[in-house]
């Protein structure tokens, strides 16, 4: 029988749960990207399960090319529109978001650029996958394929 996950994590436990080094998680916390959900009597910081998703989001955003400063602003936005448990706050107001219009516009532009890049990458990966499947997959798989756009026909 599986042991239930704890609802609060130490920094080390959070690092283990996310597959990220303790040092990196500590760095994120120092930058204000993660906030503890509670403190022990001894003053040790404990993090909620939502912090697992935040660490994963930070890692994903870094992979997509966002800087830590851009990620910090995204986290400020997330904190304004999501509750600490990760559920969406339907009652948020613009004044809840501690970012300027310029910051929000820059985030919108960067997100659009990242989406456009992801779409280009997806098209390239699909063409590459079709090529590999057509030329290197077992015969029964190859026989059912039709060339896609950009495959060059044969």
C-alpha atoms as a PDB file:
ATOM      1  CA  UNK A   1       0.000   0.000   0.000  1.00  0.00           C
ATOM      2  CA  UNK A   2       1.399   3.403  -0.985  1.00  0.00           C
ATOM      3  CA  UNK A   3       2.241   5.917   1.700  1.00  0.00           C
ATOM      4  CA  UNK A   4       0.166   9.087   1.320  1.00  0.00           C
ATOM      5  CA  UNK A   5       2.111  12.175   0.311  1.00  0.00           C
ATOM      6  CA  UNK A   6       2.707  14.686   3.086  1.00  0.00           C
ATOM      7  CA  UNK A   7       0.817  17.937   2.758  1.00  0.00           C
ATOM      8  CA  UNK A   8       3.868  19.951   3.872  1.00  0.00           C
ATOM      9  CA  UNK A   9       7.411  19.515   2.591  1.00  0.00           C
ATOM     10  CA  UNK A  10      10.792  20.586   3.909  1.00  0.00           C
ATOM     11  CA  UNK A  11      13.139  22.141   1.365  1.00  0.00           C
ATOM     12  CA  UNK A  12      14.919  18.786   0.970  1.00  0.00           C
ATOM     13  CA  UNK A  13      11.617  16.918   0.555  1.00  0.00           C
ATOM     14  CA  UNK A  14      10.461  19.463  -2.028  1.00  0.00           C
ATOM     15  CA  UNK A  15      13.719  19.031  -3.931  1.00  0.00           C
ATOM     16  CA  UNK A  16      13.318  15.234  -3.854  1.00  0.00           C
ATOM     17  CA  UNK A  17       9.661  15.427  -4.946  1.00  0.00           C
ATOM     18  CA  UNK A  18      10.536  17.605  -7.947  1.00  0.00           C
ATOM     19  CA  UNK A  19      13.832  16.020  -8.965  1.00  0.00           C
ATOM     20  CA  UNK A  20      15.591  19.377  -8.621  1.00  0.00           C
ATOM     21  CA  UNK A  21      18.612  19.911  -6.390  1.00  0.00           C
ATOM     22  CA  UNK A  22      18.082  21.326  -2.923  1.00  0.00           C
ATOM     23  CA  UNK A  23      20.372  24.219  -3.842  1.00  0.00           C
ATOM     24  CA  UNK A  24      18.201  25.165  -6.839  1.00  0.00           C
ATOM     25  CA  UNK A  25      14.980  24.990  -4.787  1.00  0.00           C
ATOM     26  CA  UNK A  26      16.653  27.107  -2.107  1.00  0.00           C
ATOM     27  CA  UNK A  27      17.691  29.630  -4.795  1.00  0.00           C
ATOM     28  CA  UNK A  28      14.093  29.813  -6.067  1.00  0.00           C
ATOM     29  CA  UNK A  29      12.893  30.422  -2.509  1.00  0.00           C
ATOM     30  CA  UNK A  30      15.503  33.164  -1.975  1.00  0.00           C
ATOM     31  CA  UNK A  31      14.335  34.871  -5.187  1.00  0.00           C
ATOM     32  CA  UNK A  32      10.768  34.828  -3.876  1.00  0.00           C
ATOM     33  CA  UNK A  33       9.559  32.335  -6.485  1.00  0.00           C
ATOM     34  CA  UNK A  34       8.439  29.977  -3.700  1.00  0.00           C
ATOM     35  CA  UNK A  35       6.911  30.929  -0.379  1.00  0.00           C
ATOM     36  CA  UNK A  36       6.600  28.601   2.588  1.00  0.00           C
ATOM     37  CA  UNK A  37       3.132  27.472   3.557  1.00  0.00           C
ATOM     38  CA  UNK A  38       4.090  27.115   7.220  1.00  0.00           C
ATOM     39  CA  UNK A  39       6.951  27.307   9.690  1.00  0.00           C
ATOM     40  CA  UNK A  40       7.939  24.675  12.226  1.00  0.00           C
ATOM     41  CA  UNK A  41       8.290  25.652  15.879  1.00  0.00           C
ATOM     42  CA  UNK A  42      12.021  25.820  15.213  1.00  0.00           C
ATOM     43  CA  UNK A  43      11.487  28.253  12.341  1.00  0.00           C
ATOM     44  CA  UNK A  44      12.096  25.804   9.463  1.00  0.00           C
ATOM     45  CA  UNK A  45      10.130  26.598   6.326  1.00  0.00           C
ATOM     46  CA  UNK A  46       7.609  24.055   5.063  1.00  0.00           C
ATOM     47  CA  UNK A  47       6.100  24.111   1.582  1.00  0.00           C
ATOM     48  CA  UNK A  48       2.686  22.960   0.365  1.00  0.00           C
ATOM     49  CA  UNK A  49       2.028  20.509  -2.450  1.00  0.00           C
ATOM     50  CA  UNK A  50       1.337  23.528  -4.675  1.00  0.00           C
ATOM     51  CA  UNK A  51       5.065  24.321  -4.406  1.00  0.00           C
ATOM     52  CA  UNK A  52       5.756  21.093  -6.321  1.00  0.00           C
ATOM     53  CA  UNK A  53       3.763  22.462  -9.247  1.00  0.00           C
ATOM     54  CA  UNK A  54       5.477  25.841  -8.932  1.00  0.00           C
ATOM     55  CA  UNK A  55       8.943  24.261  -9.105  1.00  0.00           C
ATOM     56  CA  UNK A  56       7.854  22.247 -12.142  1.00  0.00           C
ATOM     57  CA  UNK A  57       6.433  25.420 -13.724  1.00  0.00           C
ATOM     58  CA  UNK A  58       9.686  27.285 -13.062  1.00  0.00           C
ATOM     59  CA  UNK A  59      11.697  24.484 -14.661  1.00  0.00           C
ATOM     60  CA  UNK A  60       9.375  24.367 -17.681  1.00  0.00           C
ATOM     61  CA  UNK A  61       9.444  28.155 -18.105  1.00  0.00           C
ATOM     62  CA  UNK A  62      13.250  28.149 -17.929  1.00  0.00           C
ATOM     63  CA  UNK A  63      13.340  25.484 -20.650  1.00  0.00           C
ATOM     64  CA  UNK A  64      11.069  27.658 -22.782  1.00  0.00           C
ATOM     65  CA  UNK A  65      13.519  30.539 -22.537  1.00  0.00           C
ATOM     66  CA  UNK A  66      12.004  32.686 -19.791  1.00  0.00           C
ATOM     67  CA  UNK A  67      14.524  34.452 -17.536  1.00  0.00           C
ATOM     68  CA  UNK A  68      14.252  34.124 -13.761  1.00  0.00           C
ATOM     69  CA  UNK A  69      13.077  37.763 -13.619  1.00  0.00           C
ATOM     70  CA  UNK A  70      10.313  36.996 -16.143  1.00  0.00           C
ATOM     71  CA  UNK A  71       9.420  33.888 -14.139  1.00  0.00           C
ATOM     72  CA  UNK A  72       9.309  35.978 -10.952  1.00  0.00           C
ATOM     73  CA  UNK A  73       6.710  38.234 -12.601  1.00  0.00           C
ATOM     74  CA  UNK A  74       4.730  35.227 -13.822  1.00  0.00           C
ATOM     75  CA  UNK A  75       4.734  33.881 -10.249  1.00  0.00           C
ATOM     76  CA  UNK A  76       3.470  37.244  -8.959  1.00  0.00           C
ATOM     77  CA  UNK A  77       0.617  36.993 -11.453  1.00  0.00           C
ATOM     78  CA  UNK A  78      -0.091  33.377 -10.452  1.00  0.00           C
ATOM     79  CA  UNK A  79      -0.169  34.337  -6.761  1.00  0.00           C
ATOM     80  CA  UNK A  80      -2.701  37.064  -7.559  1.00  0.00           C
ATOM     81  CA  UNK A  81      -5.093  34.826  -9.491  1.00  0.00           C
ATOM     82  CA  UNK A  82      -4.626  31.451  -7.758  1.00  0.00           C
ATOM     83  CA  UNK A  83      -5.167  30.458  -4.127  1.00  0.00           C
ATOM     84  CA  UNK A  84      -2.277  28.835  -2.217  1.00  0.00           C
ATOM     85  CA  UNK A  85      -3.831  25.408  -2.921  1.00  0.00           C
ATOM     86  CA  UNK A  86      -3.634  26.085  -6.678  1.00  0.00           C
ATOM     87  CA  UNK A  87      -7.338  26.684  -7.322  1.00  0.00           C
ATOM     88  CA  UNK A  88      -8.353  29.626  -9.503  1.00  0.00           C
ATOM     89  CA  UNK A  89      -9.644  32.750  -7.755  1.00  0.00           C
ATOM     90  CA  UNK A  90     -12.670  33.926  -9.697  1.00  0.00           C
ATOM     91  CA  UNK A  91     -12.868  37.065  -7.555  1.00  0.00           C
ATOM     92  CA  UNK A  92      -9.459  38.509  -8.527  1.00  0.00           C
ATOM     93  CA  UNK A  93      -9.267  42.144  -9.561  1.00  0.00           C
ATOM     94  CA  UNK A  94      -6.675  44.036 -11.589  1.00  0.00           C
ATOM     95  CA  UNK A  95      -5.469  45.791  -8.441  1.00  0.00           C
ATOM     96  CA  UNK A  96      -4.601  42.346  -7.002  1.00  0.00           C
ATOM     97  CA  UNK A  97      -1.856  42.031  -9.619  1.00  0.00           C
ATOM     98  CA  UNK A  98       1.313  43.846  -8.492  1.00  0.00           C
ATOM     99  CA  UNK A  99       2.600  44.320 -12.039  1.00  0.00           C
ATOM    100  CA  UNK A 100       2.567  47.334 -14.322  1.00  0.00           C
ATOM    101  CA  UNK A 101       0.725  47.414 -17.629  1.00  0.00           C
ATOM    102  CA  UNK A 102       4.180  47.448 -19.257  1.00  0.00           C
ATOM    103  CA  UNK A 103       5.140  44.239 -17.411  1.00  0.00           C
ATOM    104  CA  UNK A 104       1.894  42.529 -18.410  1.00  0.00           C
ATOM    105  CA  UNK A 105       2.283  43.612 -22.039  1.00  0.00           C
ATOM    106  CA  UNK A 106       5.873  42.305 -22.080  1.00  0.00           C
ATOM    107  CA  UNK A 107       4.631  38.986 -20.628  1.00  0.00           C
ATOM    108  CA  UNK A 108       1.919  38.811 -23.288  1.00  0.00           C
ATOM    109  CA  UNK A 109       4.465  39.457 -26.067  1.00  0.00           C
ATOM    110  CA  UNK A 110       6.974  36.932 -24.731  1.00  0.00           C
ATOM    111  CA  UNK A 111       4.248  34.303 -24.310  1.00  0.00           C
ATOM    112  CA  UNK A 112       3.149  34.880 -27.914  1.00  0.00           C
ATOM    113  CA  UNK A 113       6.739  34.506 -29.119  1.00  0.00           C
ATOM    114  CA  UNK A 114       7.160  31.281 -27.154  1.00  0.00           C
ATOM    115  CA  UNK A 115       3.872  29.888 -28.511  1.00  0.00           C
ATOM    116  CA  UNK A 116       4.890  30.725 -32.097  1.00  0.00           C
ATOM    117  CA  UNK A 117       8.260  29.040 -31.536  1.00  0.00           C
ATOM    118  CA  UNK A 118       6.579  25.966 -30.036  1.00  0.00           C
ATOM    119  CA  UNK A 119       4.244  25.723 -33.037  1.00  0.00           C
ATOM    120  CA  UNK A 120       7.222  25.876 -35.438  1.00  0.00           C
ATOM    121  CA  UNK A 121       9.046  23.239 -33.394  1.00  0.00           C
ATOM    122  CA  UNK A 122       5.964  21.023 -33.320  1.00  0.00           C
ATOM    123  CA  UNK A 123       5.650  21.188 -37.129  1.00  0.00           C
ATOM    124  CA  UNK A 124       9.338  20.331 -37.520  1.00  0.00           C
ATOM    125  CA  UNK A 125       9.132  17.432 -35.036  1.00  0.00           C
ATOM    126  CA  UNK A 126       6.008  16.055 -36.758  1.00  0.00           C
ATOM    127  CA  UNK A 127       7.765  16.146 -40.164  1.00  0.00           C
ATOM    128  CA  UNK A 128      10.822  14.476 -38.651  1.00  0.00           C
ATOM    129  CA  UNK A 129       8.676  11.827 -36.955  1.00  0.00           C
ATOM    130  CA  UNK A 130       6.860  11.074 -40.234  1.00  0.00           C
ATOM    131  CA  UNK A 131      10.220  10.819 -42.021  1.00  0.00           C
ATOM    132  CA  UNK A 132      11.607   8.415 -39.406  1.00  0.00           C
ATOM    133  CA  UNK A 133       8.422   6.369 -39.388  1.00  0.00           C
ATOM    134  CA  UNK A 134       8.301   6.229 -43.195  1.00  0.00           C
ATOM    135  CA  UNK A 135      11.913   5.207 -43.644  1.00  0.00           C
ATOM    136  CA  UNK A 136      12.799   3.289 -40.502  1.00  0.00           C
ATOM    137  CA  UNK A 137       9.616   1.872 -38.921  1.00  0.00           C
ATOM    138  CA  UNK A 138       8.639  -1.775 -39.422  1.00  0.00           C
ATOM    139  CA  UNK A 139       7.064  -2.479 -42.821  1.00  0.00           C
ATOM    140  CA  UNK A 140       3.480  -2.841 -41.570  1.00  0.00           C
ATOM    141  CA  UNK A 141       3.661   0.646 -40.051  1.00  0.00           C
ATOM    142  CA  UNK A 142       5.299   2.154 -43.152  1.00  0.00           C
ATOM    143  CA  UNK A 143       2.734   0.655 -45.507  1.00  0.00           C
ATOM    144  CA  UNK A 144      -0.135   2.571 -43.885  1.00  0.00           C
ATOM    145  CA  UNK A 145       1.512   6.000 -44.038  1.00  0.00           C
ATOM    146  CA  UNK A 146       0.677   8.811 -46.399  1.00  0.00           C
ATOM    147  CA  UNK A 147       3.278  11.538 -47.034  1.00  0.00           C
ATOM    148  CA  UNK A 148       2.524  14.710 -45.097  1.00  0.00           C
ATOM    149  CA  UNK A 149       3.249  18.309 -46.012  1.00  0.00           C
ATOM    150  CA  UNK A 150       6.972  18.924 -46.204  1.00  0.00           C
ATOM    151  CA  UNK A 151       7.892  15.219 -46.510  1.00  0.00           C
ATOM    152  CA  UNK A 152       9.035  15.609 -50.086  1.00  0.00           C
ATOM    153  CA  UNK A 153       6.702  12.887 -51.332  1.00  0.00           C
ATOM    154  CA  UNK A 154       8.959   9.793 -51.347  1.00  0.00           C
END
